N, C-alpha and C. Protein backbone atom coordinates (compact mmCIF):
# COMPACT_ATOMS: atom_id res chain seq x y z
N MET A 1 48.90 222.45 42.04
CA MET A 1 47.72 222.27 41.70
C MET A 1 47.58 221.39 40.22
N VAL A 2 48.07 221.84 38.96
CA VAL A 2 47.55 221.38 38.02
C VAL A 2 48.11 219.76 37.71
N ARG A 3 49.93 219.52 38.65
CA ARG A 3 50.29 218.27 38.93
C ARG A 3 49.78 217.28 39.92
N SER A 4 49.32 217.75 40.55
CA SER A 4 48.27 217.20 41.51
C SER A 4 46.74 216.37 40.80
N ASP A 5 46.70 217.45 40.14
CA ASP A 5 45.43 216.88 39.21
C ASP A 5 46.03 216.18 38.06
N PHE A 6 46.92 215.94 37.37
CA PHE A 6 47.61 214.95 36.46
C PHE A 6 47.64 213.88 37.45
N GLY A 7 48.18 213.82 38.53
CA GLY A 7 48.74 212.33 39.32
C GLY A 7 47.28 211.53 39.20
N LYS A 8 46.23 211.93 39.35
CA LYS A 8 45.01 211.22 39.71
C LYS A 8 44.67 210.15 38.28
N TYR A 9 45.47 210.79 37.18
CA TYR A 9 45.24 209.52 35.98
C TYR A 9 46.28 208.32 36.25
N PHE A 10 47.29 208.61 36.84
CA PHE A 10 48.13 207.65 37.42
C PHE A 10 48.41 206.97 38.84
N ARG A 11 47.64 207.66 39.54
CA ARG A 11 47.31 206.82 41.09
C ARG A 11 46.33 205.81 41.34
N ARG A 12 46.70 204.53 41.50
CA ARG A 12 46.23 203.20 41.62
C ARG A 12 44.95 204.01 43.15
N THR A 13 43.50 203.77 42.89
CA THR A 13 43.06 203.77 44.06
C THR A 13 42.05 202.59 44.58
N PRO A 14 42.01 202.42 45.81
CA PRO A 14 40.94 200.90 45.80
C PRO A 14 39.82 200.91 45.89
N ASP A 15 38.81 202.10 45.22
CA ASP A 15 37.76 202.27 45.21
C ASP A 15 37.85 202.44 43.25
N GLY A 16 38.62 202.56 42.88
CA GLY A 16 38.49 202.27 41.29
C GLY A 16 38.63 203.96 40.75
N SER A 17 38.22 204.46 41.56
CA SER A 17 38.01 205.98 41.11
C SER A 17 38.95 206.65 39.87
N SER A 18 40.14 206.34 39.99
CA SER A 18 41.10 206.71 39.19
C SER A 18 40.98 206.25 37.97
N TYR A 19 40.48 204.68 37.96
CA TYR A 19 40.32 203.70 36.69
C TYR A 19 39.59 204.16 36.17
N ASP A 20 38.04 204.50 36.82
CA ASP A 20 36.98 205.18 35.75
C ASP A 20 37.22 206.60 35.60
N LEU A 21 38.00 207.27 35.91
CA LEU A 21 38.29 208.21 35.19
C LEU A 21 39.47 208.02 33.92
N VAL A 22 39.87 207.39 34.16
CA VAL A 22 40.67 207.13 32.49
C VAL A 22 40.19 206.44 31.87
N GLU A 23 38.93 205.45 31.87
CA GLU A 23 38.45 205.07 31.45
C GLU A 23 37.70 205.94 30.48
N ARG A 24 36.33 206.68 31.28
CA ARG A 24 35.64 207.72 30.81
C ARG A 24 36.33 208.80 29.81
N THR A 25 37.68 209.36 30.37
CA THR A 25 38.73 210.20 29.49
C THR A 25 39.08 209.67 28.16
N LEU A 26 39.40 208.34 28.13
CA LEU A 26 39.81 207.84 27.05
C LEU A 26 38.75 207.14 26.05
N GLU A 27 37.55 207.18 26.60
CA GLU A 27 36.93 206.31 26.07
C GLU A 27 36.50 207.03 24.55
N PRO A 28 36.10 208.01 24.24
CA PRO A 28 35.72 208.81 22.89
C PRO A 28 36.87 208.68 21.85
N ALA A 29 38.40 208.84 22.30
CA ALA A 29 39.37 208.89 21.43
C ALA A 29 38.88 206.96 21.39
N MET A 30 39.04 206.35 22.16
CA MET A 30 39.26 204.58 21.73
C MET A 30 38.28 204.58 20.86
N PHE A 31 36.70 204.85 20.97
CA PHE A 31 35.99 204.60 20.08
C PHE A 31 36.40 204.76 18.36
N VAL A 32 36.75 206.05 18.53
CA VAL A 32 37.83 206.48 17.26
C VAL A 32 38.47 205.41 16.64
N LEU A 33 39.53 205.40 17.31
CA LEU A 33 40.64 204.64 17.04
C LEU A 33 39.78 202.79 16.76
N GLY A 34 38.88 202.71 17.48
CA GLY A 34 38.59 201.22 16.76
C GLY A 34 37.33 201.56 15.63
N VAL A 35 37.15 201.97 15.40
CA VAL A 35 36.35 202.27 14.15
C VAL A 35 37.42 202.73 13.05
N LEU A 36 38.43 203.58 13.14
CA LEU A 36 39.56 203.74 12.34
C LEU A 36 40.21 202.37 12.43
N PHE A 37 40.55 201.49 13.00
CA PHE A 37 41.00 200.44 13.14
C PHE A 37 40.43 199.53 11.92
N ILE A 38 39.34 199.59 11.51
CA ILE A 38 38.67 198.45 10.83
C ILE A 38 39.03 198.83 9.22
N PRO A 39 38.97 199.66 8.57
CA PRO A 39 39.36 199.85 7.47
C PRO A 39 41.07 199.95 7.14
N VAL A 40 41.80 200.65 8.59
CA VAL A 40 43.27 200.25 8.39
C VAL A 40 43.81 198.94 8.42
N VAL A 41 42.99 198.15 8.80
CA VAL A 41 43.30 196.38 9.05
C VAL A 41 43.13 195.73 7.74
N LEU A 42 41.86 196.32 7.36
CA LEU A 42 41.50 195.44 6.11
C LEU A 42 41.43 196.11 4.58
N GLY A 43 42.24 197.40 4.53
CA GLY A 43 42.28 198.54 3.78
C GLY A 43 43.26 197.40 2.61
N PRO A 44 44.49 197.15 2.99
CA PRO A 44 45.68 196.45 1.96
C PRO A 44 44.85 195.21 2.02
N TRP A 45 44.22 194.86 2.58
CA TRP A 45 43.83 192.97 1.97
C TRP A 45 42.76 193.00 1.14
N LEU A 46 41.63 194.33 1.13
CA LEU A 46 40.36 194.23 0.45
C LEU A 46 41.11 194.70 -1.25
N ALA A 47 41.91 195.91 -1.05
CA ALA A 47 41.98 197.11 -2.50
C ALA A 47 43.60 196.96 -2.56
N ASP A 48 43.72 196.97 -3.86
CA ASP A 48 44.89 196.82 -4.77
C ASP A 48 45.94 198.20 -4.75
N MET A 49 46.77 198.11 -3.81
CA MET A 49 47.11 199.30 -3.40
C MET A 49 48.82 198.60 -3.98
N SER A 50 49.78 200.43 -3.64
CA SER A 50 51.06 200.36 -4.20
C SER A 50 51.88 199.55 -2.80
N ASP A 51 53.06 199.52 -2.95
CA ASP A 51 53.52 198.49 -1.52
C ASP A 51 53.87 199.96 -0.57
N GLU A 52 53.87 201.29 -1.08
CA GLU A 52 54.23 202.29 0.07
C GLU A 52 53.04 202.24 0.71
N SER A 53 51.81 202.60 0.01
CA SER A 53 50.55 202.74 0.79
C SER A 53 50.31 201.39 1.61
N LYS A 54 50.52 200.32 1.48
CA LYS A 54 50.49 199.00 2.25
C LYS A 54 51.22 199.05 3.32
N ALA A 55 52.31 199.81 3.15
CA ALA A 55 53.32 199.90 4.42
C ALA A 55 52.86 201.06 4.97
N ALA A 56 52.23 202.08 4.75
CA ALA A 56 51.64 203.02 5.49
C ALA A 56 50.53 202.76 6.12
N PHE A 57 49.42 201.64 5.88
CA PHE A 57 48.72 201.23 6.50
C PHE A 57 49.20 200.47 7.46
N GLU A 58 50.19 199.28 7.13
CA GLU A 58 50.89 198.97 8.16
C GLU A 58 51.21 199.53 9.66
N ALA A 59 51.97 200.32 9.28
CA ALA A 59 52.67 201.11 10.06
C ALA A 59 51.26 201.94 11.07
N LEU A 60 50.37 202.44 10.72
CA LEU A 60 49.48 202.99 11.44
C LEU A 60 48.26 202.15 11.95
N GLY A 61 48.27 200.55 11.32
CA GLY A 61 47.67 199.69 12.12
C GLY A 61 48.63 199.07 13.45
N TRP A 62 49.81 199.08 13.14
CA TRP A 62 50.81 199.07 14.74
C TRP A 62 50.66 200.16 15.35
N ALA A 63 50.47 201.28 14.84
CA ALA A 63 50.02 202.47 15.75
C ALA A 63 49.12 202.29 16.34
N ILE A 64 47.70 202.10 16.11
CA ILE A 64 46.78 202.19 16.86
C ILE A 64 46.62 201.27 17.39
N TRP A 65 47.12 199.68 17.19
CA TRP A 65 47.54 198.43 18.43
C TRP A 65 48.34 198.61 18.93
N LEU A 66 49.34 199.73 19.11
CA LEU A 66 50.09 200.29 20.26
C LEU A 66 49.18 201.16 21.02
N ALA A 67 48.21 202.11 20.68
CA ALA A 67 47.68 202.57 21.67
C ALA A 67 46.23 201.85 22.12
N PHE A 68 46.29 201.11 21.81
CA PHE A 68 45.48 199.89 22.38
C PHE A 68 46.15 199.18 23.50
N VAL A 69 47.56 199.21 23.35
CA VAL A 69 47.92 198.19 24.38
C VAL A 69 48.81 198.88 25.26
N VAL A 70 48.56 200.25 25.22
CA VAL A 70 49.31 201.16 26.12
C VAL A 70 47.85 201.88 26.90
N GLU A 71 46.61 201.53 26.37
CA GLU A 71 45.66 201.91 26.62
C GLU A 71 44.91 201.25 27.90
N TYR A 72 45.03 199.66 27.27
CA TYR A 72 44.82 198.67 28.34
C TYR A 72 45.30 198.19 29.21
N GLY A 73 47.02 198.93 29.01
CA GLY A 73 48.20 198.69 30.25
C GLY A 73 48.05 199.34 31.87
N TRP A 74 47.40 200.76 30.74
CA TRP A 74 47.04 201.86 32.07
C TRP A 74 46.07 201.51 32.81
N ARG A 75 45.06 200.90 32.01
CA ARG A 75 43.49 200.62 32.95
C ARG A 75 43.95 199.51 33.94
N PHE A 76 44.86 197.85 33.33
CA PHE A 76 44.96 197.37 33.85
C PHE A 76 45.52 197.60 35.40
N TYR A 77 46.93 198.72 35.24
CA TYR A 77 47.35 199.03 36.66
C TYR A 77 46.49 199.81 37.43
N LEU A 78 45.66 200.23 36.88
CA LEU A 78 44.46 200.97 37.66
C LEU A 78 43.43 200.24 38.53
N ALA A 79 43.02 199.27 37.60
CA ALA A 79 42.16 198.84 37.83
C ALA A 79 42.52 197.84 39.32
N PRO A 80 40.96 198.28 40.31
CA PRO A 80 41.05 197.67 41.79
C PRO A 80 41.33 196.40 41.70
N ARG A 81 40.54 195.68 41.03
CA ARG A 81 40.08 193.98 41.02
C ARG A 81 40.67 193.73 39.52
N ARG A 82 42.46 193.29 39.70
CA ARG A 82 42.80 193.03 38.20
C ARG A 82 41.93 191.93 37.34
N VAL A 83 41.97 191.07 38.16
CA VAL A 83 41.54 189.27 37.39
C VAL A 83 39.91 189.88 37.01
N GLN A 84 39.07 190.70 37.51
CA GLN A 84 37.77 190.85 37.02
C GLN A 84 38.08 191.77 36.10
N MET A 85 38.66 192.75 35.89
CA MET A 85 39.19 193.57 34.71
C MET A 85 39.31 193.20 33.54
N GLY A 86 40.21 191.92 33.61
CA GLY A 86 40.79 190.84 32.98
C GLY A 86 39.54 190.40 31.93
N ARG A 87 38.42 189.88 32.88
CA ARG A 87 37.18 188.89 32.60
C ARG A 87 36.39 189.69 32.15
N ASN A 88 36.09 191.04 32.35
CA ASN A 88 35.26 191.93 31.67
C ASN A 88 35.54 192.55 30.11
N HIS A 89 37.23 192.25 29.89
CA HIS A 89 37.32 192.97 29.08
C HIS A 89 38.21 192.04 28.25
N LYS A 90 37.53 191.12 27.45
CA LYS A 90 38.15 189.86 27.22
C LYS A 90 38.78 190.23 25.75
N LEU A 91 37.71 191.39 24.91
CA LEU A 91 37.77 191.75 23.76
C LEU A 91 38.79 192.61 23.36
N ASP A 92 38.77 193.73 24.50
CA ASP A 92 40.26 194.33 24.31
C ASP A 92 41.65 193.66 24.38
N LEU A 93 41.71 192.20 25.08
CA LEU A 93 42.62 191.58 25.20
C LEU A 93 43.13 190.97 24.29
N VAL A 94 41.61 190.40 23.15
CA VAL A 94 42.12 189.83 21.92
C VAL A 94 42.29 190.79 20.82
N ILE A 95 42.12 192.28 20.68
CA ILE A 95 42.50 192.93 19.90
C ILE A 95 44.41 192.82 20.37
N ILE A 96 44.96 192.86 21.26
CA ILE A 96 46.14 193.05 21.87
C ILE A 96 47.04 191.49 21.36
N LEU A 97 46.05 190.92 21.50
CA LEU A 97 47.00 189.71 21.52
C LEU A 97 47.11 188.98 19.89
N PHE A 98 46.08 189.22 18.97
CA PHE A 98 45.91 188.79 18.19
C PHE A 98 47.16 189.09 17.16
N PRO A 99 47.35 190.59 16.84
CA PRO A 99 48.92 191.03 15.98
C PRO A 99 50.16 190.25 16.27
N LEU A 100 50.09 189.68 17.34
CA LEU A 100 51.04 189.18 17.98
C LEU A 100 51.35 187.67 17.02
N LEU A 101 49.99 186.94 16.91
CA LEU A 101 49.84 186.26 16.16
C LEU A 101 49.96 185.51 14.33
N ARG A 102 50.58 187.17 14.03
CA ARG A 102 50.74 187.68 12.62
C ARG A 102 51.98 186.55 11.98
N PRO A 103 52.93 185.83 12.39
CA PRO A 103 53.85 185.71 11.63
C PRO A 103 53.26 184.00 11.51
N LEU A 104 52.23 183.56 12.04
CA LEU A 104 51.88 182.11 11.67
C LEU A 104 51.53 181.82 10.53
N ARG A 105 51.12 182.90 9.48
CA ARG A 105 50.55 182.99 8.32
C ARG A 105 49.27 182.45 8.26
N VAL A 106 48.48 182.66 8.84
CA VAL A 106 47.15 182.87 9.42
C VAL A 106 46.92 184.26 9.11
N VAL A 107 47.16 185.00 8.49
CA VAL A 107 47.00 186.62 8.63
C VAL A 107 45.49 186.95 7.94
N ARG A 108 45.36 186.56 7.09
CA ARG A 108 43.66 186.68 6.67
C ARG A 108 42.68 186.43 7.54
N VAL A 109 43.01 185.81 8.65
CA VAL A 109 42.34 185.15 9.76
C VAL A 109 42.24 186.10 10.73
N VAL A 110 43.63 186.68 10.70
CA VAL A 110 43.94 187.14 11.74
C VAL A 110 43.49 188.73 11.95
N ARG A 111 43.07 188.48 10.53
CA ARG A 111 43.09 190.84 9.94
C ARG A 111 41.55 190.54 9.92
N LEU A 112 41.10 189.64 9.74
CA LEU A 112 39.16 189.97 10.00
C LEU A 112 38.93 189.66 11.50
N VAL A 113 39.03 188.78 11.73
CA VAL A 113 39.08 188.48 13.54
C VAL A 113 39.65 189.65 14.53
N THR A 114 40.89 190.70 13.77
CA THR A 114 40.95 191.76 14.49
C THR A 114 40.05 192.74 14.23
N ALA A 115 40.08 192.81 13.10
CA ALA A 115 39.00 194.01 12.44
C ALA A 115 37.44 193.59 12.86
N ALA A 116 37.11 192.37 13.59
CA ALA A 116 35.91 192.23 14.13
C ALA A 116 36.11 192.60 15.31
N SER A 117 37.10 192.42 15.82
CA SER A 117 37.31 192.63 17.34
C SER A 117 37.37 194.00 17.63
N GLY A 118 37.98 195.00 16.66
CA GLY A 118 38.07 196.19 16.73
C GLY A 118 36.48 196.89 16.55
N MET A 119 35.51 196.70 15.74
CA MET A 119 34.53 197.04 15.18
C MET A 119 33.90 196.44 16.68
N GLY A 120 34.10 195.33 17.74
CA GLY A 120 32.99 194.93 18.76
C GLY A 120 33.33 196.51 20.04
N ARG A 121 34.92 196.21 19.92
CA ARG A 121 35.58 197.58 20.69
C ARG A 121 34.73 198.40 20.52
N ALA A 122 34.27 199.31 19.20
CA ALA A 122 33.70 200.72 19.02
C ALA A 122 32.48 200.58 19.45
N VAL A 123 31.84 199.34 18.85
CA VAL A 123 30.53 199.43 19.33
C VAL A 123 30.18 198.96 20.76
N ALA A 124 30.87 198.25 21.74
CA ALA A 124 31.17 198.57 23.14
C ALA A 124 31.25 199.71 24.02
N ALA A 125 32.50 200.89 22.89
CA ALA A 125 32.71 202.13 23.79
C ALA A 125 31.60 202.94 23.06
N GLY A 126 30.66 202.65 22.19
CA GLY A 126 29.54 203.50 21.45
C GLY A 126 28.31 203.34 22.71
N ARG A 127 28.21 201.93 23.01
CA ARG A 127 27.11 201.86 23.98
C ARG A 127 27.64 202.33 25.63
N ARG A 128 28.85 202.25 25.57
CA ARG A 128 28.84 203.30 27.05
C ARG A 128 29.13 204.39 27.20
N ILE A 129 29.24 204.82 25.74
CA ILE A 129 29.25 206.67 25.88
C ILE A 129 27.74 207.20 25.46
N GLY A 130 27.35 206.17 24.98
CA GLY A 130 25.48 205.85 25.05
C GLY A 130 24.64 206.12 26.20
N ALA A 131 25.14 205.56 27.35
CA ALA A 131 25.17 205.29 28.23
C ALA A 131 24.59 206.31 29.01
N ARG A 132 25.47 207.09 29.00
CA ARG A 132 25.72 208.81 29.42
C ARG A 132 25.05 209.69 29.88
N PRO A 133 24.05 210.30 30.47
CA PRO A 133 23.26 210.98 31.01
C PRO A 133 23.34 212.17 29.91
N GLY A 134 22.17 212.29 29.41
CA GLY A 134 21.89 213.35 28.07
C GLY A 134 22.73 212.54 26.76
N PHE A 135 22.87 211.77 26.49
CA PHE A 135 23.36 211.77 25.38
C PHE A 135 22.62 211.52 24.58
N GLN A 136 21.86 210.70 24.77
CA GLN A 136 21.21 209.98 23.51
C GLN A 136 20.09 211.49 23.04
N PRO A 137 19.24 211.92 24.28
CA PRO A 137 18.96 213.14 23.24
C PRO A 137 19.71 214.24 22.15
N PHE A 138 20.89 213.85 22.80
CA PHE A 138 21.60 214.31 21.76
C PHE A 138 22.71 213.71 20.44
N PHE A 139 22.49 212.58 20.65
CA PHE A 139 22.49 211.73 19.68
C PHE A 139 21.69 211.40 18.26
N MET A 140 20.11 211.47 19.37
CA MET A 140 19.25 211.49 17.81
C MET A 140 19.10 212.86 17.47
N THR A 141 19.40 214.18 18.09
CA THR A 141 19.43 215.52 17.10
C THR A 141 20.61 214.85 16.05
N VAL A 142 21.37 214.71 16.70
CA VAL A 142 22.93 214.89 15.67
C VAL A 142 22.36 213.44 14.28
N ALA A 143 22.04 212.38 14.71
CA ALA A 143 21.20 211.39 13.56
C ALA A 143 20.18 212.14 13.02
N MET A 144 19.20 212.93 13.29
CA MET A 144 18.08 212.97 12.43
C MET A 144 19.13 214.29 11.73
N LEU A 145 19.85 215.06 12.07
CA LEU A 145 20.42 216.08 11.58
C LEU A 145 21.20 215.42 10.43
N MET A 146 21.74 214.51 10.59
CA MET A 146 22.47 213.77 9.66
C MET A 146 21.89 213.22 8.49
N ILE A 147 20.70 212.60 9.01
CA ILE A 147 19.73 212.01 7.87
C ILE A 147 19.49 212.99 6.91
N VAL A 148 18.59 214.26 7.42
CA VAL A 148 18.64 214.85 6.67
C VAL A 148 19.63 215.76 5.90
N GLY A 149 20.62 215.70 6.36
CA GLY A 149 21.86 216.29 5.47
C GLY A 149 22.22 215.82 4.71
N ILE A 150 22.31 214.38 4.76
CA ILE A 150 22.40 213.17 3.65
C ILE A 150 21.50 213.12 2.66
N ALA A 151 20.29 212.96 3.48
CA ALA A 151 18.86 213.00 2.24
C ALA A 151 19.20 214.21 1.32
N GLY A 152 19.29 215.88 1.83
CA GLY A 152 19.25 216.72 1.21
C GLY A 152 20.73 216.46 0.13
N LEU A 153 21.42 216.55 0.23
CA LEU A 153 22.56 215.93 -0.52
C LEU A 153 22.38 215.44 -1.41
N SER A 154 21.68 214.28 -1.00
CA SER A 154 21.71 212.72 -2.28
C SER A 154 20.63 213.55 -3.18
N MET A 155 19.37 214.40 -2.58
CA MET A 155 18.84 214.60 -4.29
C MET A 155 19.09 216.11 -4.69
N LEU A 156 20.31 216.41 -4.32
CA LEU A 156 20.63 217.78 -5.01
C LEU A 156 21.71 217.02 -6.20
N THR A 157 22.39 215.84 -5.69
CA THR A 157 23.47 215.31 -6.62
C THR A 157 22.58 214.51 -7.56
N ALA A 158 21.39 213.76 -7.30
CA ALA A 158 20.48 213.04 -8.18
C ALA A 158 19.99 214.20 -9.64
N SER A 159 19.49 215.39 -9.09
CA SER A 159 19.18 216.11 -9.57
C SER A 159 20.17 216.88 -10.40
N ILE A 160 21.02 217.04 -10.05
CA ILE A 160 22.19 217.00 -11.04
C ILE A 160 22.97 216.18 -12.24
N ALA A 161 22.34 214.74 -11.41
CA ALA A 161 23.10 214.08 -12.47
C ALA A 161 22.20 213.65 -13.65
N ALA A 162 20.58 213.90 -13.21
CA ALA A 162 19.69 213.99 -13.62
C ALA A 162 19.88 214.95 -14.80
N LEU A 163 20.19 216.17 -14.57
CA LEU A 163 20.52 217.34 -15.65
C LEU A 163 21.50 216.64 -16.76
N PHE A 164 22.60 216.01 -16.45
CA PHE A 164 23.34 215.19 -17.57
C PHE A 164 23.13 214.05 -18.18
N VAL A 165 22.58 213.55 -17.24
CA VAL A 165 21.81 212.28 -17.87
C VAL A 165 20.82 212.19 -18.80
N GLN A 166 19.82 213.19 -18.52
CA GLN A 166 18.30 213.19 -19.15
C GLN A 166 18.80 213.55 -20.98
N GLU A 167 17.52 213.32 -21.69
CA GLU A 167 17.56 213.21 -22.78
C GLU A 167 17.02 214.71 -23.25
N ASP A 168 17.73 215.69 -24.02
CA ASP A 168 17.10 216.80 -24.52
C ASP A 168 16.06 216.83 -25.32
N ASP A 169 14.76 217.21 -25.09
CA ASP A 169 14.05 217.35 -26.28
C ASP A 169 14.09 218.23 -27.15
N GLU A 170 15.55 219.10 -26.94
CA GLU A 170 15.55 220.31 -28.05
C GLU A 170 16.46 219.42 -29.32
N PRO A 171 15.94 219.65 -30.52
CA PRO A 171 17.12 219.08 -31.66
C PRO A 171 18.30 219.17 -31.44
N GLY A 172 18.86 218.30 -32.48
CA GLY A 172 20.49 217.96 -32.55
C GLY A 172 20.93 218.25 -33.17
N ILE A 173 22.47 219.11 -33.27
CA ILE A 173 22.96 219.77 -34.56
C ILE A 173 22.27 219.38 -36.11
N ASP A 174 22.40 218.41 -36.14
CA ASP A 174 21.94 217.55 -37.51
C ASP A 174 20.49 218.17 -37.96
N GLU A 175 19.98 218.12 -37.15
CA GLU A 175 18.34 218.15 -37.24
C GLU A 175 17.94 220.25 -37.52
N LEU A 176 19.10 220.71 -36.94
CA LEU A 176 18.86 221.73 -36.67
C LEU A 176 19.69 222.53 -38.39
N ARG A 177 20.44 221.70 -38.52
CA ARG A 177 21.23 221.64 -40.30
C ARG A 177 19.97 221.60 -41.08
N ALA A 178 18.92 220.71 -40.89
CA ALA A 178 18.19 220.43 -41.80
C ALA A 178 17.22 221.82 -42.08
N GLN A 179 16.98 221.95 -40.94
CA GLN A 179 15.83 222.98 -40.98
C GLN A 179 16.44 224.26 -41.26
N LEU A 180 17.43 224.68 -41.41
CA LEU A 180 18.48 225.65 -41.53
C LEU A 180 18.52 225.58 -43.63
N ASP A 181 18.52 224.26 -43.84
CA ASP A 181 19.20 224.25 -45.23
C ASP A 181 17.19 224.33 -45.81
N ARG A 182 16.38 224.12 -45.22
CA ARG A 182 14.65 224.30 -45.30
C ARG A 182 14.30 225.57 -45.81
N ILE A 183 14.80 226.22 -44.68
CA ILE A 183 14.70 227.67 -44.24
C ILE A 183 15.04 228.60 -45.70
N GLU A 184 16.34 228.03 -45.69
CA GLU A 184 17.39 228.81 -47.03
C GLU A 184 17.00 228.40 -48.19
N ALA A 185 15.93 227.36 -48.39
CA ALA A 185 15.76 226.68 -49.39
C ALA A 185 14.26 227.91 -49.92
N LEU A 186 13.36 227.65 -49.23
CA LEU A 186 12.05 228.65 -48.88
C LEU A 186 12.75 230.01 -48.92
N LEU A 187 13.72 230.61 -48.64
CA LEU A 187 13.76 232.31 -49.22
C LEU A 187 14.61 232.10 -50.60
N ALA A 188 15.05 231.17 -50.39
CA ALA A 188 15.65 231.20 -52.23
C ALA A 188 14.56 231.04 -53.22
N ALA A 189 13.63 230.10 -52.89
CA ALA A 189 12.68 230.19 -53.94
C ALA A 189 11.70 230.85 -53.66
N GLN A 190 11.34 232.12 -52.68
CA GLN A 190 10.64 233.33 -52.95
C GLN A 190 11.53 234.59 -53.58
N ARG A 191 12.99 234.49 -54.17
CA ARG A 191 13.26 235.16 -54.57
C ARG A 191 13.16 235.47 -55.56
């Protein structure tokens, strides 16, 4: 029974039910990869990194790109109307094709376009996820909770920073020494 359930992810159906199932199942993961893809692609370009870090970012970028290729190919195979799927998912195709243009020495433009297309992919996935029933109240609750948490943490951090930065009204060491000298002088005069 498990094998037949698993098979529905690979069996092409005329009504597109397997396509819809794969799209719904992979959408959260592809959303996360789309968001992660942006700093991975732009990181080496914007930050001064060691060669090892650049190589790691490059490898991670290619791995995420490969995940996009596999996901697009899988959905294309399952799509009941492939031409329509290609038309409706042009942005996904752009993400897949742009890295192939890297040897043309327009790397900076390609990286910006690739990052922008990754962001577009993340936004589109976010819209599809947000359109699901019951997600909007959940999202709003999580968003208000995040905002309150971030605001609370910011206030705590600001208070602690203010303690370090604020000037003390208490006298400094030089002033304390001067006071001690005066007290000693008064005590010596009283003897």
